[in-house]
Amino acid sequence: MIILAFREQFVNIDGQWAYIGQPKKSNGYGVIFLGGSMAFVSNNSSDWHEDLNKKALFHSLLEEGYTIGYSNAHGANFGNDTALQDIKNLHKYMVKETGINFSVHLFAISMGGLLALRLMRSVDFIQSVAFSQPLLNVKEQRKYENDYIKRNNLDMDDPTGHAIALSHEIDYSTVDAYIDKTFALEKLALAPIPCKIWHSTGDENVPVEINALPFVELRIKHKLQIALEVTPGVGHDKNGACYSDHKGIIQFFHQNEK
């Protein structure tokens, strides 16, 4: 008989399923996960539970005493206002029902980076943010993808632009101005919250050169806390290479709890 040292449950919070993981002995802190484009949470599972590498990070954090929260957040949300509210609702639930501290850490993967950036500028409960291969620079990412499509004669039309228009419920004709206003990296990068990024040189989906590096440069310029670890030659979300550094992730969180 296996006795788990933590409690797991799936709850519906204001119409969105969320996973709550509680350790046997809490260290007082919570970690809210922000998923990528394939993210989902149902009434009994999530993409993080169906991937052994991702699930391993959950377990490492639980064993360290962290309470975990992960909302469906309307799936591929591209950091929209509805997802912002989903995370606020999740945070409120976690504080009330599990007794954790008001301030929590964020762990954002891929597209979840956009949601993290907007949360960093709009809420007061973030202790620190760990990023794994994050999408941070929408304008340059969009250009990179469209250049690739044109160069390879692919039958696609501005996928990121259309996805943002759809998820943010705006007219596609206004998407250029909307991206400039909502996702200006020069503004979003400057929240005074400790950040660390795990990325890789082999990521052709969300290249480190146009996402993590400009973010890091801006924060260094403005003397804001930032760290970057780059794994050589690893593709996007390849076998969890950029979130398998459990010790490093936990150490980063601990360093920002003093």
C-alpha atoms as a PDB file:
ATOM      1  CA  MET A   1       0.000   0.000   0.000  1.00  0.00           C
ATOM      2  CA  ILE A   2       1.384   3.420  -1.045  1.00  0.00           C
ATOM      3  CA  ILE A   3       0.588   6.333   1.247  1.00  0.00           C
ATOM      4  CA  LEU A   4       1.005   9.697  -0.432  1.00  0.00           C
ATOM      5  CA  ALA A   5       2.703  12.416   1.593  1.00  0.00           C
ATOM      6  CA  PHE A   6       0.483  15.042   0.029  1.00  0.00           C
ATOM      7  CA  ARG A   7      -3.146  15.706  -0.861  1.00  0.00           C
ATOM      8  CA  GLU A   8      -4.344  16.307  -4.417  1.00  0.00           C
ATOM      9  CA  GLN A   9      -7.741  17.569  -5.526  1.00  0.00           C
ATOM     10  CA  PHE A  10      -9.419  19.072  -8.567  1.00  0.00           C
ATOM     11  CA  VAL A  11     -11.849  21.887  -7.847  1.00  0.00           C
ATOM     12  CA  ASN A  12     -14.044  24.111  -9.972  1.00  0.00           C
ATOM     13  CA  ILE A  13     -13.336  27.773  -9.288  1.00  0.00           C
ATOM     14  CA  ASP A  14     -15.734  30.177 -11.000  1.00  0.00           C
ATOM     15  CA  GLY A  15     -16.175  27.881 -13.982  1.00  0.00           C
ATOM     16  CA  GLN A  16     -12.558  26.786 -14.444  1.00  0.00           C
ATOM     17  CA  TRP A  17     -11.139  23.507 -13.188  1.00  0.00           C
ATOM     18  CA  ALA A  18      -8.048  23.826 -11.057  1.00  0.00           C
ATOM     19  CA  TYR A  19      -5.589  21.427  -9.469  1.00  0.00           C
ATOM     20  CA  ILE A  20      -4.610  21.982  -5.847  1.00  0.00           C
ATOM     21  CA  GLY A  21      -1.709  20.002  -4.408  1.00  0.00           C
ATOM     22  CA  GLN A  22      -1.086  20.240  -0.674  1.00  0.00           C
ATOM     23  CA  PRO A  23       1.999  18.859   1.085  1.00  0.00           C
ATOM     24  CA  LYS A  24       1.842  16.928   4.334  1.00  0.00           C
ATOM     25  CA  LYS A  25       3.675  19.795   6.030  1.00  0.00           C
ATOM     26  CA  SER A  26       3.399  23.200   4.383  1.00  0.00           C
ATOM     27  CA  ASN A  27       6.297  25.638   4.277  1.00  0.00           C
ATOM     28  CA  GLY A  28       3.732  28.435   3.966  1.00  0.00           C
ATOM     29  CA  TYR A  29       4.299  29.240   0.314  1.00  0.00           C
ATOM     30  CA  GLY A  30       2.333  28.458  -2.798  1.00  0.00           C
ATOM     31  CA  VAL A  31       3.413  28.039  -6.405  1.00  0.00           C
ATOM     32  CA  ILE A  32       0.929  28.879  -9.151  1.00  0.00           C
ATOM     33  CA  PHE A  33       1.645  27.266 -12.509  1.00  0.00           C
ATOM     34  CA  LEU A  34       0.882  29.034 -15.788  1.00  0.00           C
ATOM     35  CA  GLY A  35       0.660  26.575 -18.675  1.00  0.00           C
ATOM     36  CA  GLY A  36       1.586  26.718 -22.341  1.00  0.00           C
ATOM     37  CA  SER A  37      -0.505  26.469 -25.498  1.00  0.00           C
ATOM     38  CA  MET A  38      -1.432  22.822 -24.802  1.00  0.00           C
ATOM     39  CA  ALA A  39      -2.343  23.434 -21.165  1.00  0.00           C
ATOM     40  CA  PHE A  40      -5.494  22.000 -19.644  1.00  0.00           C
ATOM     41  CA  VAL A  41      -6.947  21.105 -16.278  1.00  0.00           C
ATOM     42  CA  SER A  42     -10.023  18.872 -16.110  1.00  0.00           C
ATOM     43  CA  ASN A  43     -12.005  17.439 -13.227  1.00  0.00           C
ATOM     44  CA  ASN A  44      -9.447  14.666 -12.740  1.00  0.00           C
ATOM     45  CA  SER A  45      -6.239  15.436 -14.647  1.00  0.00           C
ATOM     46  CA  SER A  46      -4.049  18.025 -16.333  1.00  0.00           C
ATOM     47  CA  ASP A  47      -1.303  18.182 -18.930  1.00  0.00           C
ATOM     48  CA  TRP A  48       1.185  18.281 -16.052  1.00  0.00           C
ATOM     49  CA  HIS A  49      -0.184  15.021 -14.665  1.00  0.00           C
ATOM     50  CA  GLU A  50      -0.013  13.264 -18.032  1.00  0.00           C
ATOM     51  CA  ASP A  51       3.684  14.052 -18.573  1.00  0.00           C
ATOM     52  CA  LEU A  52       6.100  12.240 -16.259  1.00  0.00           C
ATOM     53  CA  ASN A  53       8.734  14.984 -16.440  1.00  0.00           C
ATOM     54  CA  LYS A  54       6.239  17.681 -15.520  1.00  0.00           C
ATOM     55  CA  LYS A  55       4.635  15.577 -12.808  1.00  0.00           C
ATOM     56  CA  ALA A  56       8.058  15.025 -11.273  1.00  0.00           C
ATOM     57  CA  LEU A  57       8.410  18.773 -10.674  1.00  0.00           C
ATOM     58  CA  PHE A  58       5.013  18.853  -8.973  1.00  0.00           C
ATOM     59  CA  HIS A  59       6.152  16.096  -6.628  1.00  0.00           C
ATOM     60  CA  SER A  60       9.495  17.742  -5.869  1.00  0.00           C
ATOM     61  CA  LEU A  61       7.769  20.982  -4.909  1.00  0.00           C
ATOM     62  CA  LEU A  62       5.206  19.162  -2.776  1.00  0.00           C
ATOM     63  CA  GLU A  63       7.951  17.256  -0.990  1.00  0.00           C
ATOM     64  CA  GLU A  64       9.623  20.599  -0.276  1.00  0.00           C
ATOM     65  CA  GLY A  65       6.443  21.825   1.392  1.00  0.00           C
ATOM     66  CA  TYR A  66       5.001  23.988  -1.383  1.00  0.00           C
ATOM     67  CA  THR A  67       1.275  24.143  -2.063  1.00  0.00           C
ATOM     68  CA  ILE A  68       0.594  23.991  -5.820  1.00  0.00           C
ATOM     69  CA  GLY A  69      -2.169  25.653  -7.786  1.00  0.00           C
ATOM     70  CA  TYR A  70      -2.832  25.183 -11.490  1.00  0.00           C
ATOM     71  CA  SER A  71      -5.898  26.576 -13.268  1.00  0.00           C
ATOM     72  CA  ASN A  72      -7.230  25.637 -16.675  1.00  0.00           C
ATOM     73  CA  ALA A  73      -7.325  29.421 -17.175  1.00  0.00           C
ATOM     74  CA  HIS A  74      -9.319  29.073 -20.385  1.00  0.00           C
ATOM     75  CA  GLY A  75      -6.616  27.008 -22.104  1.00  0.00           C
ATOM     76  CA  ALA A  76      -4.576  28.744 -24.815  1.00  0.00           C
ATOM     77  CA  ASN A  77      -5.285  32.191 -23.400  1.00  0.00           C
ATOM     78  CA  PHE A  78      -2.287  34.203 -24.671  1.00  0.00           C
ATOM     79  CA  GLY A  79      -2.362  36.135 -21.415  1.00  0.00           C
ATOM     80  CA  ASN A  80      -5.855  37.542 -21.879  1.00  0.00           C
ATOM     81  CA  ASP A  81      -7.949  39.366 -19.271  1.00  0.00           C
ATOM     82  CA  THR A  82     -10.119  36.315 -18.589  1.00  0.00           C
ATOM     83  CA  ALA A  83      -7.042  34.256 -17.681  1.00  0.00           C
ATOM     84  CA  LEU A  84      -5.782  37.074 -15.455  1.00  0.00           C
ATOM     85  CA  GLN A  85      -9.029  36.847 -13.512  1.00  0.00           C
ATOM     86  CA  ASP A  86      -8.798  33.033 -13.388  1.00  0.00           C
ATOM     87  CA  ILE A  87      -5.411  33.298 -11.654  1.00  0.00           C
ATOM     88  CA  LYS A  88      -6.690  35.928  -9.249  1.00  0.00           C
ATOM     89  CA  ASN A  89      -9.582  33.591  -8.397  1.00  0.00           C
ATOM     90  CA  LEU A  90      -7.201  30.660  -7.935  1.00  0.00           C
ATOM     91  CA  HIS A  91      -4.932  32.697  -5.676  1.00  0.00           C
ATOM     92  CA  LYS A  92      -7.859  33.823  -3.530  1.00  0.00           C
ATOM     93  CA  TYR A  93      -9.040  30.218  -3.193  1.00  0.00           C
ATOM     94  CA  MET A  94      -5.578  28.932  -2.266  1.00  0.00           C
ATOM     95  CA  VAL A  95      -5.049  31.553   0.429  1.00  0.00           C
ATOM     96  CA  LYS A  96      -8.481  30.986   1.937  1.00  0.00           C
ATOM     97  CA  GLU A  97      -8.720  27.195   1.708  1.00  0.00           C
ATOM     98  CA  THR A  98      -5.108  26.071   2.277  1.00  0.00           C
ATOM     99  CA  GLY A  99      -3.827  28.802   4.589  1.00  0.00           C
ATOM    100  CA  ILE A 100      -0.722  29.686   2.557  1.00  0.00           C
ATOM    101  CA  ASN A 101       0.932  33.092   2.655  1.00  0.00           C
ATOM    102  CA  PHE A 102      -0.614  35.861   0.582  1.00  0.00           C
ATOM    103  CA  SER A 103       2.499  36.087  -1.608  1.00  0.00           C
ATOM    104  CA  VAL A 104       3.099  33.164  -3.992  1.00  0.00           C
ATOM    105  CA  HIS A 105       5.650  32.142  -6.587  1.00  0.00           C
ATOM    106  CA  LEU A 106       4.782  31.712 -10.266  1.00  0.00           C
ATOM    107  CA  PHE A 107       6.108  29.036 -12.584  1.00  0.00           C
ATOM    108  CA  ALA A 108       5.387  29.917 -16.212  1.00  0.00           C
ATOM    109  CA  ILE A 109       6.082  27.681 -19.183  1.00  0.00           C
ATOM    110  CA  SER A 110       6.078  28.758 -22.848  1.00  0.00           C
ATOM    111  CA  MET A 111       2.938  30.826 -23.591  1.00  0.00           C
ATOM    112  CA  GLY A 112       2.350  31.090 -19.847  1.00  0.00           C
ATOM    113  CA  GLY A 113       5.129  33.660 -19.902  1.00  0.00           C
ATOM    114  CA  LEU A 114       2.714  36.231 -21.327  1.00  0.00           C
ATOM    115  CA  LEU A 115       0.273  35.673 -18.484  1.00  0.00           C
ATOM    116  CA  ALA A 116       3.109  35.938 -15.980  1.00  0.00           C
ATOM    117  CA  LEU A 117       4.253  39.269 -17.435  1.00  0.00           C
ATOM    118  CA  ARG A 118       0.772  40.755 -17.203  1.00  0.00           C
ATOM    119  CA  LEU A 119       0.281  39.442 -13.676  1.00  0.00           C
ATOM    120  CA  MET A 120       3.601  40.947 -12.616  1.00  0.00           C
ATOM    121  CA  ARG A 121       2.294  44.368 -13.631  1.00  0.00           C
ATOM    122  CA  SER A 122      -1.220  44.057 -12.231  1.00  0.00           C
ATOM    123  CA  VAL A 123      -1.305  42.119  -8.924  1.00  0.00           C
ATOM    124  CA  ASP A 124       0.416  42.450  -5.564  1.00  0.00           C
ATOM    125  CA  PHE A 125       0.787  38.802  -4.550  1.00  0.00           C
ATOM    126  CA  ILE A 126       3.817  37.637  -6.561  1.00  0.00           C
ATOM    127  CA  GLN A 127       6.940  36.669  -4.622  1.00  0.00           C
ATOM    128  CA  SER A 128       9.066  35.581  -7.595  1.00  0.00           C
ATOM    129  CA  VAL A 129       8.692  34.148 -11.096  1.00  0.00           C
ATOM    130  CA  ALA A 130      10.427  31.132 -12.622  1.00  0.00           C
ATOM    131  CA  PHE A 131      10.137  30.824 -16.409  1.00  0.00           C
ATOM    132  CA  SER A 132      10.711  27.764 -18.595  1.00  0.00           C
ATOM    133  CA  GLN A 133      11.275  28.472 -22.312  1.00  0.00           C
ATOM    134  CA  PRO A 134       8.883  31.426 -22.093  1.00  0.00           C
ATOM    135  CA  LEU A 135       7.142  33.420 -24.783  1.00  0.00           C
ATOM    136  CA  LEU A 136       7.836  36.991 -23.698  1.00  0.00           C
ATOM    137  CA  ASN A 137       8.303  39.137 -26.789  1.00  0.00           C
ATOM    138  CA  VAL A 138       5.074  38.867 -28.809  1.00  0.00           C
ATOM    139  CA  LYS A 139       5.985  41.385 -31.469  1.00  0.00           C
ATOM    140  CA  GLU A 140       9.293  39.719 -32.397  1.00  0.00           C
ATOM    141  CA  GLN A 141       7.902  36.197 -32.000  1.00  0.00           C
ATOM    142  CA  ARG A 142       5.115  37.021 -34.425  1.00  0.00           C
ATOM    143  CA  LYS A 143       7.586  38.443 -36.951  1.00  0.00           C
ATOM    144  CA  TYR A 144       9.839  35.389 -36.548  1.00  0.00           C
ATOM    145  CA  GLU A 145       6.961  32.998 -37.240  1.00  0.00           C
ATOM    146  CA  ASN A 146       5.636  34.952 -40.216  1.00  0.00           C
ATOM    147  CA  ASP A 147       9.121  35.178 -41.748  1.00  0.00           C
ATOM    148  CA  TYR A 148       9.470  31.404 -41.356  1.00  0.00           C
ATOM    149  CA  ILE A 149       6.085  30.827 -42.999  1.00  0.00           C
ATOM    150  CA  LYS A 150       6.968  33.077 -45.936  1.00  0.00           C
ATOM    151  CA  ARG A 151      10.442  31.593 -46.363  1.00  0.00           C
ATOM    152  CA  ASN A 152       9.058  28.051 -46.489  1.00  0.00           C
ATOM    153  CA  ASN A 153       5.943  28.851 -48.546  1.00  0.00           C
ATOM    154  CA  LEU A 154       3.611  27.443 -45.900  1.00  0.00           C
ATOM    155  CA  ASP A 155      -0.140  27.753 -46.233  1.00  0.00           C
ATOM    156  CA  MET A 156      -0.592  29.770 -43.047  1.00  0.00           C
ATOM    157  CA  ASP A 157      -1.547  33.359 -42.328  1.00  0.00           C
ATOM    158  CA  ASP A 158      -0.173  35.134 -39.257  1.00  0.00           C
ATOM    159  CA  PRO A 159      -1.048  32.411 -36.698  1.00  0.00           C
ATOM    160  CA  THR A 160       0.019  34.411 -33.652  1.00  0.00           C
ATOM    161  CA  GLY A 161      -1.815  37.535 -34.762  1.00  0.00           C
ATOM    162  CA  HIS A 162      -5.031  35.606 -35.353  1.00  0.00           C
ATOM    163  CA  ALA A 163      -4.650  33.650 -32.096  1.00  0.00           C
ATOM    164  CA  ILE A 164      -4.262  36.853 -30.088  1.00  0.00           C
ATOM    165  CA  ALA A 165      -7.236  38.457 -31.833  1.00  0.00           C
ATOM    166  CA  LEU A 166      -9.349  35.380 -31.039  1.00  0.00           C
ATOM    167  CA  SER A 167      -8.244  34.861 -27.439  1.00  0.00           C
ATOM    168  CA  HIS A 168      -8.394  38.569 -26.556  1.00  0.00           C
ATOM    169  CA  GLU A 169     -11.693  39.034 -28.416  1.00  0.00           C
ATOM    170  CA  ILE A 170     -10.535  41.908 -30.606  1.00  0.00           C
ATOM    171  CA  ASP A 171     -10.893  42.595 -34.300  1.00  0.00           C
ATOM    172  CA  TYR A 172      -7.924  41.261 -36.260  1.00  0.00           C
ATOM    173  CA  SER A 173      -7.523  44.635 -37.983  1.00  0.00           C
ATOM    174  CA  THR A 174      -6.541  46.149 -34.621  1.00  0.00           C
ATOM    175  CA  VAL A 175      -4.076  43.446 -33.564  1.00  0.00           C
ATOM    176  CA  ASP A 176      -0.909  45.419 -34.417  1.00  0.00           C
ATOM    177  CA  ALA A 177      -1.854  48.343 -32.195  1.00  0.00           C
ATOM    178  CA  TYR A 178      -3.184  45.985 -29.516  1.00  0.00           C
ATOM    179  CA  ILE A 179       0.118  44.084 -29.313  1.00  0.00           C
ATOM    180  CA  ASP A 180       2.072  47.332 -29.092  1.00  0.00           C
ATOM    181  CA  LYS A 181      -0.139  48.520 -26.237  1.00  0.00           C
ATOM    182  CA  THR A 182      -0.717  45.296 -24.304  1.00  0.00           C
ATOM    183  CA  PHE A 183       2.518  43.383 -24.801  1.00  0.00           C
ATOM    184  CA  ALA A 184       5.193  46.092 -24.987  1.00  0.00           C
ATOM    185  CA  LEU A 185       8.171  44.255 -23.486  1.00  0.00           C
ATOM    186  CA  GLU A 186       9.763  47.573 -22.485  1.00  0.00           C
ATOM    187  CA  LYS A 187       6.955  48.001 -19.953  1.00  0.00           C
ATOM    188  CA  LEU A 188       6.097  44.436 -18.978  1.00  0.00           C
ATOM    189  CA  ALA A 189       9.705  43.481 -18.219  1.00  0.00           C
ATOM    190  CA  LEU A 190      10.196  46.162 -15.586  1.00  0.00           C
ATOM    191  CA  ALA A 191       8.135  44.862 -12.675  1.00  0.00           C
ATOM    192  CA  PRO A 192      10.397  44.822  -9.566  1.00  0.00           C
ATOM    193  CA  ILE A 193       9.915  41.090  -8.933  1.00  0.00           C
ATOM    194  CA  PRO A 194      12.785  38.539  -8.886  1.00  0.00           C
ATOM    195  CA  CYS A 195      12.838  36.454 -12.067  1.00  0.00           C
ATOM    196  CA  LYS A 196      14.805  33.508 -13.386  1.00  0.00           C
ATOM    197  CA  ILE A 197      14.580  31.914 -16.820  1.00  0.00           C
ATOM    198  CA  TRP A 198      15.502  28.394 -17.898  1.00  0.00           C
ATOM    199  CA  HIS A 199      15.808  28.257 -21.686  1.00  0.00           C
ATOM    200  CA  SER A 200      17.752  26.424 -24.421  1.00  0.00           C
ATOM    201  CA  THR A 201      19.727  27.158 -27.578  1.00  0.00           C
ATOM    202  CA  GLY A 202      17.866  24.531 -29.616  1.00  0.00           C
ATOM    203  CA  ASP A 203      14.379  25.969 -29.103  1.00  0.00           C
ATOM    204  CA  GLU A 204      13.173  26.878 -32.603  1.00  0.00           C
ATOM    205  CA  ASN A 205       9.549  27.351 -31.505  1.00  0.00           C
ATOM    206  CA  VAL A 206      10.215  30.099 -28.981  1.00  0.00           C
ATOM    207  CA  PRO A 207      13.835  31.150 -29.577  1.00  0.00           C
ATOM    208  CA  VAL A 208      15.840  32.353 -26.616  1.00  0.00           C
ATOM    209  CA  GLU A 209      17.397  35.088 -28.756  1.00  0.00           C
ATOM    210  CA  ILE A 210      14.137  36.980 -29.314  1.00  0.00           C
ATOM    211  CA  ASN A 211      12.365  36.189 -26.051  1.00  0.00           C
ATOM    212  CA  ALA A 212      14.551  35.593 -22.996  1.00  0.00           C
ATOM    213  CA  LEU A 213      17.586  37.646 -24.052  1.00  0.00           C
ATOM    214  CA  PRO A 214      15.766  40.969 -24.707  1.00  0.00           C
ATOM    215  CA  PHE A 215      13.893  40.511 -21.410  1.00  0.00           C
ATOM    216  CA  VAL A 216      17.160  39.891 -19.558  1.00  0.00           C
ATOM    217  CA  GLU A 217      18.868  42.875 -21.197  1.00  0.00           C
ATOM    218  CA  LEU A 218      16.038  45.217 -20.219  1.00  0.00           C
ATOM    219  CA  ARG A 219      16.105  44.056 -16.604  1.00  0.00           C
ATOM    220  CA  ILE A 220      19.879  44.375 -16.369  1.00  0.00           C
ATOM    221  CA  LYS A 221      19.667  47.882 -17.846  1.00  0.00           C
ATOM    222  CA  HIS A 222      17.170  48.878 -15.158  1.00  0.00           C
ATOM    223  CA  LYS A 223      19.023  47.035 -12.383  1.00  0.00           C
ATOM    224  CA  LEU A 224      16.226  44.549 -11.713  1.00  0.00           C
ATOM    225  CA  GLN A 225      16.879  41.038 -10.383  1.00  0.00           C
ATOM    226  CA  ILE A 226      17.208  38.495 -13.189  1.00  0.00           C
ATOM    227  CA  ALA A 227      18.998  35.210 -13.822  1.00  0.00           C
ATOM    228  CA  LEU A 228      19.219  33.088 -16.948  1.00  0.00           C
ATOM    229  CA  GLU A 229      20.283  29.472 -17.438  1.00  0.00           C
ATOM    230  CA  VAL A 230      20.625  28.246 -21.001  1.00  0.00           C
ATOM    231  CA  THR A 231      20.790  24.546 -21.847  1.00  0.00           C
ATOM    232  CA  PRO A 232      22.696  23.860 -25.096  1.00  0.00           C
ATOM    233  CA  GLY A 233      20.921  22.224 -28.012  1.00  0.00           C
ATOM    234  CA  VAL A 234      17.582  21.325 -26.436  1.00  0.00           C
ATOM    235  CA  GLY A 235      14.329  21.817 -28.372  1.00  0.00           C
ATOM    236  CA  HIS A 236      11.106  23.347 -27.087  1.00  0.00           C
ATOM    237  CA  ASP A 237       9.752  21.429 -24.080  1.00  0.00           C
ATOM    238  CA  LYS A 238      12.025  18.524 -25.021  1.00  0.00           C
ATOM    239  CA  ASN A 239      11.822  15.905 -22.250  1.00  0.00           C
ATOM    240  CA  GLY A 240      11.471  18.584 -19.614  1.00  0.00           C
ATOM    241  CA  ALA A 241      15.079  19.726 -19.949  1.00  0.00           C
ATOM    242  CA  CYS A 242      14.238  23.292 -18.911  1.00  0.00           C
ATOM    243  CA  TYR A 243      12.149  22.347 -15.883  1.00  0.00           C
ATOM    244  CA  SER A 244      14.060  19.281 -14.709  1.00  0.00           C
ATOM    245  CA  ASP A 245      16.389  21.396 -12.564  1.00  0.00           C
ATOM    246  CA  HIS A 246      14.217  20.818  -9.517  1.00  0.00           C
ATOM    247  CA  LYS A 247      16.985  21.726  -7.093  1.00  0.00           C
ATOM    248  CA  GLY A 248      17.702  24.970  -8.920  1.00  0.00           C
ATOM    249  CA  ILE A 249      14.026  25.949  -9.122  1.00  0.00           C
ATOM    250  CA  ILE A 250      13.478  25.258  -5.424  1.00  0.00           C
ATOM    251  CA  GLN A 251      16.673  27.097  -4.531  1.00  0.00           C
ATOM    252  CA  PHE A 252      15.513  30.134  -6.524  1.00  0.00           C
ATOM    253  CA  PHE A 253      12.183  30.167  -4.677  1.00  0.00           C
ATOM    254  CA  HIS A 254      13.878  29.796  -1.284  1.00  0.00           C
ATOM    255  CA  GLN A 255      16.284  32.642  -2.037  1.00  0.00           C
ATOM    256  CA  ASN A 256      13.342  34.954  -2.519  1.00  0.00           C
ATOM    257  CA  GLU A 257      11.473  34.064   0.646  1.00  0.00           C
ATOM    258  CA  LYS A 258      13.733  35.965   3.025  1.00  0.00           C
END
